[in-house]
Each structure stands twice: as structure tokens, then as C-alpha cells.
């Protein structure tokens, strides 16, 4: 029995390593192209709700410049909780810079002590958006379906 010899497959030489997708002599990994961010970026963070419905986060809430005692309006809109400064509102930022979600809002979204939420502050608009877990699940599932062609695993 004689062995078959298979000739090697050699890719054509490329004059410029950048054309071959190489960086520093190594092949670069593909990177998704993201849309450019116009203007100021939002400030994001995760926080857990305490037993009294308070949200404490050391970066996001201070980015809005809300001092303790600032009156805030808390509304539900499209599955999200919107918090904005309003001198006529009944809710206030507490001494340590916490925002307390009303019991009705927490019950509406099934938020209990320890529930984690995504906080997105838009300092230019003076708005804090609280994304409950159900809203995150919906957004992620829809995004994955769009990007992965329906394979939202």
C-alpha cells in the first residue's frame, strides 16, 4: 500500500500585513463596528434595591448633580421607570444620595429587596432611567434576535 501525498495549501503572500488583518504580526480578531456616539454619553451602572426600595449607586446618581433633598418625579413609561428633577414633585433624593422607588412601582415590576436594576443617567436631559429585569430581558432578546438572525439564546 502506498501513501498518498497531499500538497500543502499555502495562501498567497500579502505585501502589507494590515491588508491581511494583522496587527503587530498577529492576526487581528474581528471587531463589531458600533455607531458613533453623538454628544455626551450616558452614565450607566447596576444597583440592587434595598428592603425599603432605595437605590444606591456611587457613580450614576451623582452624575446627575442631584443633591440630597432634590425633589424628583418618578413615572412609569414603556416598561421603564423615569426619574427627573421636579421642584413640585413629592419624592426626594435622600441624604446619602439615594433614590427611593415607591412601593406601587416596585410591586408593578415585581422588584423586591435585592432585585438588580440597570441605571442609565442622561445628565444633559437631567433624567435617570431605571431598567427593571423584565425590560432588560426584552431588550436583550430583541437585540440578539436582530443581530443573530433569530437565534436569541
Protein backbone atom coordinates (compact mmCIF):
# COMPACT_ATOMS: atom_id res chain seq x y z
CA UNK A 1 0.00 0.00 0.00
CA UNK A 2 1.43 3.38 -0.96
CA UNK A 3 0.74 6.58 0.94
CA UNK A 4 -0.92 9.43 -0.91
CA UNK A 5 0.89 12.72 -0.63
CA UNK A 6 -1.29 15.80 -0.40
CA UNK A 7 0.30 19.04 -1.49
CA UNK A 8 0.15 21.82 1.14
CA UNK A 9 -2.29 24.71 0.81
CA UNK A 10 -0.40 27.96 1.03
CA UNK A 11 -2.26 31.26 1.00
CA UNK A 12 -0.94 33.91 -1.38
CA UNK A 13 1.57 36.36 0.08
CA UNK A 14 0.26 39.80 1.02
CA UNK A 15 2.60 42.76 0.78
CA UNK A 16 1.05 44.71 3.65
CA UNK A 17 0.22 42.97 6.95
CA UNK A 18 -2.68 45.40 7.51
CA UNK A 19 -4.32 44.08 4.34
CA UNK A 20 -4.17 40.59 5.81
CA UNK A 21 -5.87 41.76 9.02
CA UNK A 22 -2.71 41.58 11.10
CA UNK A 23 -1.64 43.83 13.95
CA UNK A 24 1.87 43.56 15.39
CA UNK A 25 2.49 40.37 13.41
CA UNK A 26 -0.67 38.68 14.75
CA UNK A 27 -3.97 38.19 13.06
CA UNK A 28 -6.50 40.68 14.45
CA UNK A 29 -9.85 39.50 15.75
CA UNK A 30 -12.92 40.86 14.01
CA UNK A 31 -14.49 43.73 15.94
CA UNK A 32 -18.08 44.85 15.55
CA UNK A 33 -18.46 48.35 14.19
CA UNK A 34 -20.52 50.43 16.62
CA UNK A 35 -22.40 53.55 15.68
CA UNK A 36 -20.59 56.70 16.78
CA UNK A 37 -21.97 58.31 19.92
CA UNK A 38 -23.17 61.84 19.28
CA UNK A 39 -22.70 64.29 22.12
CA UNK A 40 -22.28 63.30 25.72
CA UNK A 41 -22.51 59.63 26.66
CA UNK A 42 -24.93 58.38 29.28
CA UNK A 43 -23.58 57.14 32.61
CA UNK A 44 -24.56 53.53 33.34
CA UNK A 45 -24.39 51.27 36.36
CA UNK A 46 -26.09 48.40 38.15
CA UNK A 47 -27.64 48.64 41.59
CA UNK A 48 -29.60 46.47 43.99
CA UNK A 49 -32.80 47.70 45.61
CA UNK A 50 -32.71 47.59 49.40
CA UNK A 51 -35.54 46.46 51.71
CA UNK A 52 -37.03 50.00 51.69
CA UNK A 53 -36.98 50.41 47.91
CA UNK A 54 -33.90 52.63 47.87
CA UNK A 55 -31.38 52.56 45.04
CA UNK A 56 -27.82 53.48 45.91
CA UNK A 57 -25.15 53.85 43.24
CA UNK A 58 -21.98 55.88 43.64
CA UNK A 59 -21.46 56.98 40.01
CA UNK A 60 -24.77 57.19 38.17
CA UNK A 61 -26.92 59.23 40.56
CA UNK A 62 -24.14 61.74 41.41
CA UNK A 63 -23.56 62.27 37.66
CA UNK A 64 -26.96 63.98 37.57
CA UNK A 65 -25.87 66.53 40.16
CA UNK A 66 -28.87 65.86 42.40
CA UNK A 67 -28.12 66.90 45.96
CA UNK A 68 -29.88 65.32 48.93
CA UNK A 69 -33.32 66.89 49.20
CA UNK A 70 -33.73 67.38 45.43
CA UNK A 71 -37.40 66.77 44.53
CA UNK A 72 -37.80 64.10 41.87
CA UNK A 73 -40.73 62.94 39.78
CA UNK A 74 -40.97 59.16 39.33
CA UNK A 75 -43.02 57.85 36.41
CA UNK A 76 -43.55 54.55 34.62
CA UNK A 77 -43.17 54.70 30.84
CA UNK A 78 -43.00 51.77 28.41
CA UNK A 79 -41.67 49.25 30.92
CA UNK A 80 -39.10 51.65 32.35
CA UNK A 81 -39.02 53.89 35.40
CA UNK A 82 -38.19 57.53 34.62
CA UNK A 83 -36.84 59.79 37.36
CA UNK A 84 -36.45 63.53 36.73
CA UNK A 85 -35.83 66.53 38.94
CA UNK A 86 -39.03 68.49 39.51
CA UNK A 87 -39.40 71.19 42.19
CA UNK A 88 -43.11 70.30 42.54
CA UNK A 89 -42.63 66.54 42.98
CA UNK A 90 -43.28 64.73 46.26
CA UNK A 91 -40.32 62.34 46.19
CA UNK A 92 -36.85 63.44 47.27
CA UNK A 93 -33.27 62.27 46.94
CA UNK A 94 -32.28 61.08 50.42
CA UNK A 95 -29.28 62.18 52.50
CA UNK A 96 -26.80 59.63 51.18
CA UNK A 97 -27.87 60.39 47.59
CA UNK A 98 -30.33 57.55 47.20
CA UNK A 99 -33.48 57.41 45.09
CA UNK A 100 -36.38 55.55 46.68
CA UNK A 101 -38.81 53.85 44.32
CA UNK A 102 -42.41 53.99 45.55
CA UNK A 103 -43.99 50.72 46.68
CA UNK A 104 -46.52 50.82 43.82
CA UNK A 105 -43.70 50.98 41.25
CA UNK A 106 -41.80 48.15 42.93
CA UNK A 107 -44.93 45.98 43.05
CA UNK A 108 -45.80 46.77 39.43
CA UNK A 109 -42.40 45.43 38.27
CA UNK A 110 -42.01 42.69 40.88
CA UNK A 111 -38.97 44.40 42.41
CA UNK A 112 -38.07 43.10 45.84
CA UNK A 113 -35.15 43.57 48.20
CA UNK A 114 -32.01 42.54 46.32
CA UNK A 115 -33.50 42.98 42.83
CA UNK A 116 -30.83 44.36 40.50
CA UNK A 117 -31.64 47.09 38.02
CA UNK A 118 -29.72 48.87 35.28
CA UNK A 119 -29.44 52.62 35.85
CA UNK A 120 -28.82 54.97 32.94
CA UNK A 121 -28.29 58.65 33.69
CA UNK A 122 -28.55 61.25 30.96
CA UNK A 123 -27.01 64.33 32.62
CA UNK A 124 -27.80 66.59 29.64
CA UNK A 125 -31.50 65.72 29.87
CA UNK A 126 -31.48 65.54 33.70
CA UNK A 127 -33.01 62.09 33.59
CA UNK A 128 -32.40 58.78 35.32
CA UNK A 129 -33.86 55.68 33.64
CA UNK A 130 -34.27 52.56 35.76
CA UNK A 131 -34.40 49.37 33.68
CA UNK A 132 -36.10 46.53 35.61
CA UNK A 133 -35.01 42.94 34.84
CA UNK A 134 -38.04 42.28 32.61
CA UNK A 135 -37.21 45.30 30.43
CA UNK A 136 -33.59 44.16 30.16
CA UNK A 137 -34.69 40.68 29.15
CA UNK A 138 -36.92 42.08 26.41
CA UNK A 139 -34.24 44.44 25.05
CA UNK A 140 -31.52 41.79 25.05
CA UNK A 141 -33.75 39.15 23.45
CA UNK A 142 -34.82 41.54 20.67
CA UNK A 143 -31.25 42.73 20.08
CA UNK A 144 -29.90 39.19 19.91
CA UNK A 145 -32.67 38.18 17.51
CA UNK A 146 -31.82 41.13 15.25
CA UNK A 147 -28.06 40.55 15.32
CA UNK A 148 -28.02 36.76 15.34
CA UNK A 149 -30.86 36.29 12.89
CA UNK A 150 -33.45 34.94 15.29
CA UNK A 151 -31.08 32.90 17.42
CA UNK A 152 -31.71 34.78 20.67
CA UNK A 153 -30.03 32.37 23.06
